[in-house]
Amino acid sequence: YYHLEDYNKALELMNKGFELDPRGEYCYLNEHYYNRGNVLIKMNKIKDAKKDFKAALNFNLPYFKKNGTPVLKKVMEKMVADVLELL
């Protein structure tokens, strides 16, 4: 839906994803926060987007602690820094 520019539908589905795994036990919530932050930018909700980008840098979530790698952490840090620089 993001690429179709249907940001309301994209946000709706992303929020449902957070409901399914609110503590980040089964998936990389970091990536979900990053993606939702990009949707929020398109919806001109910059303050909320910044909160999501900050949350994307929480590497203490259970799934990331178990399965994350230093490379994945560096990539996410770079992606968040790049997008925040543009805001």
PDB file of N, CA and C in Angstrom:
ATOM      1  N   TYR A   1       0.816  -1.192   0.000  1.00  0.00           N
ATOM      2  CA  TYR A   1       0.000   0.000   0.000  1.00  0.00           C
ATOM      3  C   TYR A   1       0.859   1.254   0.000  1.00  0.00           C
ATOM      4  N   TYR A   2       2.035   1.179   0.594  1.00  0.00           N
ATOM      5  CA  TYR A   2       2.941   2.325   0.594  1.00  0.00           C
ATOM      6  C   TYR A   2       3.279   2.726  -0.840  1.00  0.00           C
ATOM      7  N   HIS A   3       3.647   1.761  -1.654  1.00  0.00           N
ATOM      8  CA  HIS A   3       4.043   2.059  -3.036  1.00  0.00           C
ATOM      9  C   HIS A   3       2.849   2.457  -3.900  1.00  0.00           C
ATOM     10  N   LEU A   4       1.665   2.091  -3.476  1.00  0.00           N
ATOM     11  CA  LEU A   4       0.444   2.519  -4.161  1.00  0.00           C
ATOM     12  C   LEU A   4      -0.018   3.888  -3.660  1.00  0.00           C
ATOM     13  N   GLU A   5       0.713   4.426  -2.705  1.00  0.00           N
ATOM     14  CA  GLU A   5       0.429   5.711  -2.080  1.00  0.00           C
ATOM     15  C   GLU A   5      -0.901   5.721  -1.331  1.00  0.00           C
ATOM     16  N   ASP A   6      -1.314   4.557  -0.861  1.00  0.00           N
ATOM     17  CA  ASP A   6      -2.498   4.449  -0.003  1.00  0.00           C
ATOM     18  C   ASP A   6      -1.984   4.360   1.432  1.00  0.00           C
ATOM     19  N   TYR A   7      -1.587   5.515   1.951  1.00  0.00           N
ATOM     20  CA  TYR A   7      -0.897   5.555   3.237  1.00  0.00           C
ATOM     21  C   TYR A   7      -1.825   5.215   4.409  1.00  0.00           C
ATOM     22  N   ASN A   8      -3.086   5.541   4.292  1.00  0.00           N
ATOM     23  CA  ASN A   8      -4.019   5.185   5.360  1.00  0.00           C
ATOM     24  C   ASN A   8      -4.119   3.667   5.498  1.00  0.00           C
ATOM     25  N   LYS A   9      -4.225   2.975   4.376  1.00  0.00           N
ATOM     26  CA  LYS A   9      -4.315   1.515   4.409  1.00  0.00           C
ATOM     27  C   LYS A   9      -2.987   0.913   4.881  1.00  0.00           C
ATOM     28  N   ALA A  10      -1.880   1.477   4.431  1.00  0.00           N
ATOM     29  CA  ALA A  10      -0.566   0.996   4.866  1.00  0.00           C
ATOM     30  C   ALA A  10      -0.436   1.140   6.380  1.00  0.00           C
ATOM     31  N   LEU A  11      -0.840   2.289   6.913  1.00  0.00           N
ATOM     32  CA  LEU A  11      -0.757   2.515   8.355  1.00  0.00           C
ATOM     33  C   LEU A  11      -1.669   1.556   9.109  1.00  0.00           C
ATOM     34  N   GLU A  12      -2.847   1.341   8.591  1.00  0.00           N
ATOM     35  CA  GLU A  12      -3.792   0.420   9.229  1.00  0.00           C
ATOM     36  C   GLU A  12      -3.196  -0.983   9.346  1.00  0.00           C
ATOM     37  N   LEU A  13      -2.611  -1.468   8.265  1.00  0.00           N
ATOM     38  CA  LEU A  13      -2.030  -2.811   8.284  1.00  0.00           C
ATOM     39  C   LEU A  13      -0.797  -2.887   9.176  1.00  0.00           C
ATOM     40  N   MET A  14       0.004  -1.844   9.168  1.00  0.00           N
ATOM     41  CA  MET A  14       1.186  -1.836  10.024  1.00  0.00           C
ATOM     42  C   MET A  14       0.786  -1.851  11.491  1.00  0.00           C
ATOM     43  N   ASN A  15      -0.239  -1.097  11.837  1.00  0.00           N
ATOM     44  CA  ASN A  15      -0.706  -1.081  13.221  1.00  0.00           C
ATOM     45  C   ASN A  15      -1.212  -2.453  13.643  1.00  0.00           C
ATOM     46  N   LYS A  16      -1.854  -3.161  12.733  1.00  0.00           N
ATOM     47  CA  LYS A  16      -2.303  -4.521  13.036  1.00  0.00           C
ATOM     48  C   LYS A  16      -1.110  -5.432  13.293  1.00  0.00           C
ATOM     49  N   GLY A  17      -0.054  -5.232  12.549  1.00  0.00           N
ATOM     50  CA  GLY A  17       1.161  -6.014  12.766  1.00  0.00           C
ATOM     51  C   GLY A  17       1.724  -5.798  14.165  1.00  0.00           C
ATOM     52  N   PHE A  18       1.695  -4.563  14.639  1.00  0.00           N
ATOM     53  CA  PHE A  18       2.167  -4.275  15.996  1.00  0.00           C
ATOM     54  C   PHE A  18       1.265  -4.933  17.032  1.00  0.00           C
ATOM     55  N   GLU A  19      -0.023  -5.009  16.745  1.00  0.00           N
ATOM     56  CA  GLU A  19      -0.952  -5.673  17.664  1.00  0.00           C
ATOM     57  C   GLU A  19      -0.636  -7.168  17.784  1.00  0.00           C
ATOM     58  N   LEU A  20      -0.186  -7.773  16.692  1.00  0.00           N
ATOM     59  CA  LEU A  20       0.118  -9.207  16.700  1.00  0.00           C
ATOM     60  C   LEU A  20       1.369  -9.554  17.501  1.00  0.00           C
ATOM     61  N   ASP A  21       2.314  -8.632  17.564  1.00  0.00           N
ATOM     62  CA  ASP A  21       3.570  -8.896  18.280  1.00  0.00           C
ATOM     63  C   ASP A  21       4.029  -7.617  18.982  1.00  0.00           C
ATOM     64  N   PRO A  22       3.280  -7.161  19.973  1.00  0.00           N
ATOM     65  CA  PRO A  22       3.579  -5.863  20.579  1.00  0.00           C
ATOM     66  C   PRO A  22       4.919  -5.779  21.305  1.00  0.00           C
ATOM     67  N   ARG A  23       5.464  -6.898  21.728  1.00  0.00           N
ATOM     68  CA  ARG A  23       6.734  -6.875  22.461  1.00  0.00           C
ATOM     69  C   ARG A  23       7.942  -7.245  21.589  1.00  0.00           C
ATOM     70  N   GLY A  24       7.697  -7.534  20.329  1.00  0.00           N
ATOM     71  CA  GLY A  24       8.814  -7.878  19.460  1.00  0.00           C
ATOM     72  C   GLY A  24       9.444  -9.210  19.778  1.00  0.00           C
ATOM     73  N   GLU A  25       8.590 -10.199  20.063  1.00  0.00           N
ATOM     74  CA  GLU A  25       9.101 -11.524  20.391  1.00  0.00           C
ATOM     75  C   GLU A  25       9.275 -12.411  19.161  1.00  0.00           C
ATOM     76  N   TYR A  26       8.543 -12.132  18.087  1.00  0.00           N
ATOM     77  CA  TYR A  26       8.504 -13.036  16.936  1.00  0.00           C
ATOM     78  C   TYR A  26       9.000 -12.418  15.628  1.00  0.00           C
ATOM     79  N   CYS A  27       9.284 -11.139  15.646  1.00  0.00           N
ATOM     80  CA  CYS A  27       9.757 -10.503  14.407  1.00  0.00           C
ATOM     81  C   CYS A  27      10.583  -9.261  14.752  1.00  0.00           C
ATOM     82  N   TYR A  28      11.246  -8.733  13.747  1.00  0.00           N
ATOM     83  CA  TYR A  28      12.045  -7.524  13.907  1.00  0.00           C
ATOM     84  C   TYR A  28      11.115  -6.315  13.938  1.00  0.00           C
ATOM     85  N   LEU A  29      10.681  -5.923  15.120  1.00  0.00           N
ATOM     86  CA  LEU A  29       9.866  -4.716  15.219  1.00  0.00           C
ATOM     87  C   LEU A  29      10.650  -3.489  14.792  1.00  0.00           C
ATOM     88  N   ASN A  30      11.953  -3.559  14.872  1.00  0.00           N
ATOM     89  CA  ASN A  30      12.778  -2.430  14.450  1.00  0.00           C
ATOM     90  C   ASN A  30      12.443  -2.038  13.021  1.00  0.00           C
ATOM     91  N   GLU A  31      12.357  -3.025  12.155  1.00  0.00           N
ATOM     92  CA  GLU A  31      12.040  -2.765  10.748  1.00  0.00           C
ATOM     93  C   GLU A  31      10.609  -2.250  10.603  1.00  0.00           C
ATOM     94  N   HIS A  32       9.702  -2.776  11.392  1.00  0.00           N
ATOM     95  CA  HIS A  32       8.315  -2.312  11.325  1.00  0.00           C
ATOM     96  C   HIS A  32       8.214  -0.846  11.749  1.00  0.00           C
ATOM     97  N   TYR A  33       8.928  -0.487  12.815  1.00  0.00           N
ATOM     98  CA  TYR A  33       8.924   0.913  13.240  1.00  0.00           C
ATOM     99  C   TYR A  33       9.503   1.811  12.143  1.00  0.00           C
ATOM    100  N   TYR A  34      10.580   1.376  11.544  1.00  0.00           N
ATOM    101  CA  TYR A  34      11.198   2.166  10.470  1.00  0.00           C
ATOM    102  C   TYR A  34      10.216   2.357   9.309  1.00  0.00           C
ATOM    103  N   ASN A  35       9.577   1.275   8.897  1.00  0.00           N
ATOM    104  CA  ASN A  35       8.639   1.360   7.775  1.00  0.00           C
ATOM    105  C   ASN A  35       7.435   2.232   8.115  1.00  0.00           C
ATOM    106  N   ARG A  36       6.912   2.081   9.330  1.00  0.00           N
ATOM    107  CA  ARG A  36       5.765   2.909   9.707  1.00  0.00           C
ATOM    108  C   ARG A  36       6.180   4.372   9.797  1.00  0.00           C
ATOM    109  N   GLY A  37       7.393   4.636  10.242  1.00  0.00           N
ATOM    110  CA  GLY A  37       7.890   6.010  10.260  1.00  0.00           C
ATOM    111  C   GLY A  37       7.877   6.631   8.880  1.00  0.00           C
ATOM    112  N   ASN A  38       8.238   5.862   7.876  1.00  0.00           N
ATOM    113  CA  ASN A  38       8.211   6.375   6.502  1.00  0.00           C
ATOM    114  C   ASN A  38       6.793   6.654   6.026  1.00  0.00           C
ATOM    115  N   VAL A  39       5.851   5.820   6.418  1.00  0.00           N
ATOM    116  CA  VAL A  39       4.442   6.071   6.087  1.00  0.00           C
ATOM    117  C   VAL A  39       3.983   7.359   6.768  1.00  0.00           C
ATOM    118  N   LEU A  40       4.334   7.508   8.025  1.00  0.00           N
ATOM    119  CA  LEU A  40       3.923   8.701   8.759  1.00  0.00           C
ATOM    120  C   LEU A  40       4.501   9.977   8.154  1.00  0.00           C
ATOM    121  N   ILE A  41       5.700   9.904   7.616  1.00  0.00           N
ATOM    122  CA  ILE A  41       6.269  11.065   6.913  1.00  0.00           C
ATOM    123  C   ILE A  41       5.375  11.436   5.734  1.00  0.00           C
ATOM    124  N   LYS A  42       4.978  10.442   4.963  1.00  0.00           N
ATOM    125  CA  LYS A  42       4.130  10.697   3.799  1.00  0.00           C
ATOM    126  C   LYS A  42       2.782  11.289   4.209  1.00  0.00           C
ATOM    127  N   MET A  43       2.349  10.979   5.434  1.00  0.00           N
ATOM    128  CA  MET A  43       1.085  11.505   5.945  1.00  0.00           C
ATOM    129  C   MET A  43       1.288  12.835   6.677  1.00  0.00           C
ATOM    130  N   ASN A  44       2.511  13.348   6.637  1.00  0.00           N
ATOM    131  CA  ASN A  44       2.889  14.612   7.272  1.00  0.00           C
ATOM    132  C   ASN A  44       2.710  14.573   8.795  1.00  0.00           C
ATOM    133  N   LYS A  45       2.957  13.420   9.378  1.00  0.00           N
ATOM    134  CA  LYS A  45       2.911  13.252  10.829  1.00  0.00           C
ATOM    135  C   LYS A  45       4.346  13.069  11.323  1.00  0.00           C
ATOM    136  N   ILE A  46       5.101  14.141  11.207  1.00  0.00           N
ATOM    137  CA  ILE A  46       6.539  14.103  11.437  1.00  0.00           C
ATOM    138  C   ILE A  46       6.879  13.750  12.886  1.00  0.00           C
ATOM    139  N   LYS A  47       6.148  14.315  13.836  1.00  0.00           N
ATOM    140  CA  LYS A  47       6.426  14.034  15.252  1.00  0.00           C
ATOM    141  C   LYS A  47       6.261  12.536  15.537  1.00  0.00           C
ATOM    142  N   ASP A  48       5.196  11.941  15.023  1.00  0.00           N
ATOM    143  CA  ASP A  48       4.974  10.508  15.216  1.00  0.00           C
ATOM    144  C   ASP A  48       6.032   9.687  14.483  1.00  0.00           C
ATOM    145  N   ALA A  49       6.427  10.148  13.306  1.00  0.00           N
ATOM    146  CA  ALA A  49       7.455   9.445  12.544  1.00  0.00           C
ATOM    147  C   ALA A  49       8.765   9.411  13.325  1.00  0.00           C
ATOM    148  N   LYS A  50       9.124  10.537  13.919  1.00  0.00           N
ATOM    149  CA  LYS A  50      10.366  10.588  14.693  1.00  0.00           C
ATOM    150  C   LYS A  50      10.320   9.623  15.872  1.00  0.00           C
ATOM    151  N   LYS A  51       9.166   9.481  16.499  1.00  0.00           N
ATOM    152  CA  LYS A  51       9.023   8.520  17.600  1.00  0.00           C
ATOM    153  C   LYS A  51       9.272   7.102  17.098  1.00  0.00           C
ATOM    154  N   ASP A  52       8.726   6.795  15.918  1.00  0.00           N
ATOM    155  CA  ASP A  52       8.927   5.454  15.361  1.00  0.00           C
ATOM    156  C   ASP A  52      10.383   5.216  14.992  1.00  0.00           C
ATOM    157  N   PHE A  53      11.046   6.215  14.451  1.00  0.00           N
ATOM    158  CA  PHE A  53      12.456   6.038  14.102  1.00  0.00           C
ATOM    159  C   PHE A  53      13.293   5.824  15.364  1.00  0.00           C
ATOM    160  N   LYS A  54      12.953   6.528  16.440  1.00  0.00           N
ATOM    161  CA  LYS A  54      13.648   6.308  17.705  1.00  0.00           C
ATOM    162  C   LYS A  54      13.401   4.878  18.189  1.00  0.00           C
ATOM    163  N   ALA A  55      12.160   4.416  18.083  1.00  0.00           N
ATOM    164  CA  ALA A  55      11.827   3.051  18.501  1.00  0.00           C
ATOM    165  C   ALA A  55      12.547   2.016  17.639  1.00  0.00           C
ATOM    166  N   ALA A  56      12.812   2.343  16.390  1.00  0.00           N
ATOM    167  CA  ALA A  56      13.514   1.421  15.489  1.00  0.00           C
ATOM    168  C   ALA A  56      14.933   1.157  15.972  1.00  0.00           C
ATOM    169  N   LEU A  57      15.433   2.036  16.816  1.00  0.00           N
ATOM    170  CA  LEU A  57      16.796   1.882  17.332  1.00  0.00           C
ATOM    171  C   LEU A  57      16.842   1.168  18.681  1.00  0.00           C
ATOM    172  N   ASN A  58      15.715   0.625  19.102  1.00  0.00           N
ATOM    173  CA  ASN A  58      15.676  -0.153  20.345  1.00  0.00           C
ATOM    174  C   ASN A  58      16.103  -1.581  20.027  1.00  0.00           C
ATOM    175  N   PHE A  59      17.339  -1.885  20.297  1.00  0.00           N
ATOM    176  CA  PHE A  59      17.882  -3.200  19.983  1.00  0.00           C
ATOM    177  C   PHE A  59      17.783  -4.168  21.167  1.00  0.00           C
ATOM    178  N   ASN A  60      16.979  -3.792  22.156  1.00  0.00           N
ATOM    179  CA  ASN A  60      16.755  -4.661  23.307  1.00  0.00           C
ATOM    180  C   ASN A  60      15.462  -5.457  23.191  1.00  0.00           C
ATOM    181  N   LEU A  61      14.805  -5.392  22.043  1.00  0.00           N
ATOM    182  CA  LEU A  61      13.596  -6.177  21.839  1.00  0.00           C
ATOM    183  C   LEU A  61      13.970  -7.655  21.760  1.00  0.00           C
ATOM    184  N   PRO A  62      13.134  -8.528  22.298  1.00  0.00           N
ATOM    185  CA  PRO A  62      13.495  -9.952  22.397  1.00  0.00           C
ATOM    186  C   PRO A  62      13.957 -10.594  21.095  1.00  0.00           C
ATOM    187  N   TYR A  63      13.222 -10.382  20.011  1.00  0.00           N
ATOM    188  CA  TYR A  63      13.597 -11.050  18.765  1.00  0.00           C
ATOM    189  C   TYR A  63      14.937 -10.529  18.252  1.00  0.00           C
ATOM    190  N   PHE A  64      15.148  -9.223  18.355  1.00  0.00           N
ATOM    191  CA  PHE A  64      16.421  -8.680  17.891  1.00  0.00           C
ATOM    192  C   PHE A  64      17.560  -9.175  18.759  1.00  0.00           C
ATOM    193  N   LYS A  65      17.352  -9.216  20.067  1.00  0.00           N
ATOM    194  CA  LYS A  65      18.414  -9.693  20.962  1.00  0.00           C
ATOM    195  C   LYS A  65      18.805 -11.129  20.627  1.00  0.00           C
ATOM    196  N   LYS A  66      17.831 -11.918  20.220  1.00  0.00           N
ATOM    197  CA  LYS A  66      18.092 -13.322  19.906  1.00  0.00           C
ATOM    198  C   LYS A  66      18.664 -13.507  18.500  1.00  0.00           C
ATOM    199  N   ASN A  67      18.169 -12.748  17.535  1.00  0.00           N
ATOM    200  CA  ASN A  67      18.496 -13.001  16.129  1.00  0.00           C
ATOM    201  C   ASN A  67      19.233 -11.869  15.417  1.00  0.00           C
ATOM    202  N   GLY A  68      19.305 -10.723  16.038  1.00  0.00           N
ATOM    203  CA  GLY A  68      19.960  -9.588  15.386  1.00  0.00           C
ATOM    204  C   GLY A  68      21.463  -9.782  15.303  1.00  0.00           C
ATOM    205  N   THR A  69      22.056  -9.044  14.411  1.00  0.00           N
ATOM    206  CA  THR A  69      23.513  -9.103  14.235  1.00  0.00           C
ATOM    207  C   THR A  69      24.081  -7.686  14.313  1.00  0.00           C
ATOM    208  N   PRO A  70      25.372  -7.562  14.569  1.00  0.00           N
ATOM    209  CA  PRO A  70      25.980  -6.228  14.561  1.00  0.00           C
ATOM    210  C   PRO A  70      25.806  -5.516  13.218  1.00  0.00           C
ATOM    211  N   VAL A  71      25.852  -6.265  12.131  1.00  0.00           N
ATOM    212  CA  VAL A  71      25.672  -5.661  10.805  1.00  0.00           C
ATOM    213  C   VAL A  71      24.248  -5.126  10.656  1.00  0.00           C
ATOM    214  N   LEU A  72      23.275  -5.909  11.069  1.00  0.00           N
ATOM    215  CA  LEU A  72      21.883  -5.472  10.984  1.00  0.00           C
ATOM    216  C   LEU A  72      21.664  -4.220  11.832  1.00  0.00           C
ATOM    217  N   LYS A  73      22.282  -4.175  12.995  1.00  0.00           N
ATOM    218  CA  LYS A  73      22.175  -3.005  13.857  1.00  0.00           C
ATOM    219  C   LYS A  73      22.770  -1.776  13.175  1.00  0.00           C
ATOM    220  N   LYS A  74      23.942  -1.916  12.583  1.00  0.00           N
ATOM    221  CA  LYS A  74      24.589  -0.789  11.887  1.00  0.00           C
ATOM    222  C   LYS A  74      23.741  -0.308  10.707  1.00  0.00           C
ATOM    223  N   VAL A  75      23.161  -1.244   9.976  1.00  0.00           N
ATOM    224  CA  VAL A  75      22.325  -0.881   8.825  1.00  0.00           C
ATOM    225  C   VAL A  75      21.119  -0.074   9.291  1.00  0.00           C
ATOM    226  N   MET A  76      20.457  -0.529  10.352  1.00  0.00           N
ATOM    227  CA  MET A  76      19.289   0.187  10.850  1.00  0.00           C
ATOM    228  C   MET A  76      19.683   1.564  11.363  1.00  0.00           C
ATOM    229  N   GLU A  77      20.784   1.651  12.065  1.00  0.00           N
ATOM    230  CA  GLU A  77      21.247   2.951  12.558  1.00  0.00           C
ATOM    231  C   GLU A  77      21.502   3.914  11.400  1.00  0.00           C
ATOM    232  N   LYS A  78      22.094   3.412  10.340  1.00  0.00           N
ATOM    233  CA  LYS A  78      22.379   4.254   9.162  1.00  0.00           C
ATOM    234  C   LYS A  78      21.084   4.668   8.476  1.00  0.00           C
ATOM    235  N   MET A  79      20.156   3.749   8.304  1.00  0.00           N
ATOM    236  CA  MET A  79      18.890   4.068   7.642  1.00  0.00           C
ATOM    237  C   MET A  79      18.135   5.137   8.425  1.00  0.00           C
ATOM    238  N   VAL A  80      18.085   4.993   9.741  1.00  0.00           N
ATOM    239  CA  VAL A  80      17.378   5.977  10.570  1.00  0.00           C
ATOM    240  C   VAL A  80      18.094   7.323  10.507  1.00  0.00           C
ATOM    241  N   ALA A  81      19.414   7.327  10.614  1.00  0.00           N
ATOM    242  CA  ALA A  81      20.160   8.587  10.548  1.00  0.00           C
ATOM    243  C   ALA A  81      19.927   9.290   9.220  1.00  0.00           C
ATOM    244  N   ASP A  82      19.909   8.524   8.137  1.00  0.00           N
ATOM    245  CA  ASP A  82      19.706   9.112   6.810  1.00  0.00           C
ATOM    246  C   ASP A  82      18.343   9.771   6.681  1.00  0.00           C
ATOM    247  N   VAL A  83      17.306   9.089   7.157  1.00  0.00           N
ATOM    248  CA  VAL A  83      15.967   9.655   7.017  1.00  0.00           C
ATOM    249  C   VAL A  83      15.780  10.858   7.955  1.00  0.00           C
ATOM    250  N   LEU A  84      16.331  10.801   9.154  1.00  0.00           N
ATOM    251  CA  LEU A  84      16.206  11.926  10.076  1.00  0.00           C
ATOM    252  C   LEU A  84      16.938  13.155   9.557  1.00  0.00           C
ATOM    253  N   GLU A  85      18.011  12.926   8.845  1.00  0.00           N
ATOM    254  CA  GLU A  85      18.773  14.047   8.262  1.00  0.00           C
ATOM    255  C   GLU A  85      17.917  14.810   7.240  1.00  0.00           C
ATOM    256  N   LEU A  86      17.013  14.117   6.588  1.00  0.00           N
ATOM    257  CA  LEU A  86      16.172  14.733   5.564  1.00  0.00           C
ATOM    258  C   LEU A  86      14.975  15.502   6.145  1.00  0.00           C
ATOM    259  N   LEU A  87      14.667  15.229   7.413  1.00  0.00           N
ATOM    260  CA  LEU A  87      13.498  15.889   8.023  1.00  0.00           C
ATOM    261  C   LEU A  87      13.812  17.279   8.498  1.00  0.00           C
TER     262      LEU A  87
END
